[in-house]
Structure formats: structure tokens, C-alpha cells
Amino acid sequence: MSAVLVAVTAPVHTTAMVLSQQPGNGDNGGQGEDFGKSSPVGFLLLLLFLIAVALLVRSMTKHLKRVPASFDPPEESAGGEPAPGEDPDTTEAEKPADTSAKEKSDHSG
């Protein structure tokens, strides 16, 4: 059983060892003594991006609070209450009549 396990894992182990070695030509793969160190300009740029993201999130939150809960049209109120946007002081008798019916009757006679 162990011979089969060694036969299966040996190529994987050898490949991992070869790939993990550093190049021998002194290049070190671009990882010189300054590798991994950031400059003050990079730090300021990072701070600028973080501030921009914070302002964008704040703006988005403000705009999302203004969005209505539903985009469905308002339903007709059956209880005699005026619909939203309708003047509550105007009664049915005071509302203007349909002018298209008047015009048809005027032109027909």
C-alpha cells in the first residue's frame, strides 16, 4: 500500500520542489531589497481611494433613503378619502366636468 502511495505522490513532491526554487542567476525574480515596501505616494493614493469609497457609500445611502417603497401607482381610495396628490377640500360637485362630453354635444346640434 505504501509503495503505491509513494509512486503517486513522488511526482507531485518533485514538481513542488522544482517550482519553489529561486532562479540561480542572481535575479531573484524581481525581489530585490526593496521588494514589498511601499512609498508614501502609494500610501496617500490608498488613503485617497478609501476616502472616495466612503463618500460614495454615504451618497448612495442618502439616495437609497429617497427611493419609494413601491413603484406601483396609488390605488383609488374607496372610503371617500382623497387619493394622494388630490385636494382634500374639493368635493365631487366642485370638480371640473369632463369637457370632451360637452364639446361633442355642442358640435352635434
Protein backbone atom coordinates (compact mmCIF):
# COMPACT_ATOMS: atom_id res chain seq x y z
CA MET A 1 0.00 0.00 0.00
CA SER A 2 2.80 2.46 0.89
CA ALA A 3 4.63 1.72 -2.38
CA VAL A 4 1.56 2.82 -4.32
CA LEU A 5 1.25 5.98 -2.21
CA VAL A 6 4.94 6.86 -2.77
CA ALA A 7 4.57 6.23 -6.51
CA VAL A 8 1.61 8.61 -6.68
CA THR A 9 2.99 11.42 -4.50
CA ALA A 10 6.61 11.38 -5.74
CA PRO A 11 5.97 13.32 -8.99
CA VAL A 12 3.86 15.90 -7.14
CA HIS A 13 6.55 16.38 -4.49
CA THR A 14 9.33 16.68 -7.09
CA THR A 15 7.34 19.24 -9.11
CA ALA A 16 6.67 21.33 -6.00
CA MET A 17 10.35 21.32 -5.06
CA VAL A 18 11.43 22.43 -8.55
CA LEU A 19 8.87 25.22 -8.74
CA SER A 20 9.68 26.59 -5.28
CA GLN A 21 13.40 27.10 -6.02
CA GLN A 22 14.69 30.62 -6.70
CA PRO A 23 16.44 31.26 -10.01
CA GLY A 24 20.20 30.79 -9.73
CA ASN A 25 21.22 33.74 -11.93
CA GLY A 26 21.11 36.32 -9.11
CA ASP A 27 17.93 37.96 -10.42
CA ASN A 28 15.80 36.67 -7.52
CA GLY A 29 12.70 37.02 -9.68
CA GLY A 30 12.49 40.78 -9.27
CA GLN A 31 12.55 40.50 -5.48
CA GLY A 32 15.35 42.84 -4.56
CA GLU A 33 15.94 44.52 -1.21
CA ASP A 34 13.05 46.98 -1.81
CA PHE A 35 10.54 44.26 -2.66
CA GLY A 36 7.30 44.60 -0.67
CA LYS A 37 7.99 48.14 0.57
CA SER A 38 5.55 50.86 -0.39
CA SER A 39 6.27 54.50 -0.98
CA PRO A 40 4.49 57.43 0.71
CA VAL A 41 2.85 58.21 -2.62
CA GLY A 42 1.27 54.76 -2.68
CA PHE A 43 0.03 55.22 0.89
CA LEU A 44 -1.52 58.61 0.03
CA LEU A 45 -3.17 57.10 -3.04
CA LEU A 46 -4.63 54.32 -0.91
CA LEU A 47 -5.99 56.86 1.58
CA LEU A 48 -7.49 58.88 -1.28
CA PHE A 49 -9.29 55.79 -2.61
CA LEU A 50 -10.61 54.92 0.85
CA ILE A 51 -11.99 58.45 1.33
CA ALA A 52 -13.61 58.33 -2.13
CA VAL A 53 -15.27 54.99 -1.36
CA ALA A 54 -16.56 56.31 1.99
CA LEU A 55 -18.08 59.38 0.28
CA LEU A 56 -19.65 57.25 -2.44
CA VAL A 57 -21.22 54.91 0.15
CA ARG A 58 -22.58 57.90 2.06
CA SER A 59 -24.08 59.38 -1.11
CA MET A 60 -25.59 56.06 -2.17
CA THR A 61 -27.17 55.60 1.27
CA LYS A 62 -28.70 59.08 1.09
CA HIS A 63 -30.15 58.41 -2.36
CA LEU A 64 -31.49 54.98 -1.39
CA LYS A 65 -33.41 56.51 1.52
CA ARG A 66 -35.31 58.67 -1.01
CA VAL A 67 -36.46 55.70 -3.09
CA PRO A 68 -40.16 54.90 -2.54
CA ALA A 69 -41.10 51.56 -1.04
CA SER A 70 -43.12 50.66 -4.12
CA PHE A 71 -43.28 51.98 -7.68
CA ASP A 72 -46.88 50.78 -8.13
CA PRO A 73 -49.42 53.52 -8.93
CA PRO A 74 -51.51 54.60 -5.94
CA GLU A 75 -54.82 52.75 -5.66
CA GLU A 76 -58.19 54.54 -5.70
CA SER A 77 -59.46 55.11 -2.20
CA ALA A 78 -62.91 53.60 -1.65
CA GLY A 79 -63.64 55.24 1.71
CA GLY A 80 -64.32 58.70 0.29
CA GLU A 81 -60.85 59.86 1.23
CA PRO A 82 -58.97 61.80 -1.42
CA ALA A 83 -56.25 59.98 -3.27
CA PRO A 84 -52.66 61.11 -2.65
CA GLY A 85 -51.99 64.34 -4.52
CA GLU A 86 -55.69 65.25 -4.69
CA ASP A 87 -57.03 68.37 -2.98
CA PRO A 88 -59.00 67.21 0.12
CA ASP A 89 -61.12 70.41 0.18
CA THR A 90 -62.60 69.87 -3.31
CA THR A 91 -65.90 67.96 -3.34
CA GLU A 92 -67.34 66.00 -6.28
CA ALA A 93 -69.67 68.88 -7.23
CA GLU A 94 -66.81 71.37 -7.36
CA LYS A 95 -64.61 69.22 -9.59
CA PRO A 96 -64.49 70.27 -13.25
CA ALA A 97 -66.69 68.17 -15.51
CA ASP A 98 -65.41 66.19 -18.47
CA THR A 99 -65.06 68.80 -21.22
CA SER A 100 -64.93 66.28 -24.07
CA ALA A 101 -68.58 65.28 -23.49
CA LYS A 102 -69.64 68.97 -23.54
CA GLU A 103 -67.80 69.65 -26.77
CA LYS A 104 -69.43 66.67 -28.50
CA SER A 105 -72.91 67.83 -27.51
CA ASP A 106 -72.19 71.41 -28.62
CA HIS A 107 -70.97 70.37 -32.05
CA SER A 108 -73.76 67.90 -32.75
CA GLY A 109 -76.68 70.42 -32.52
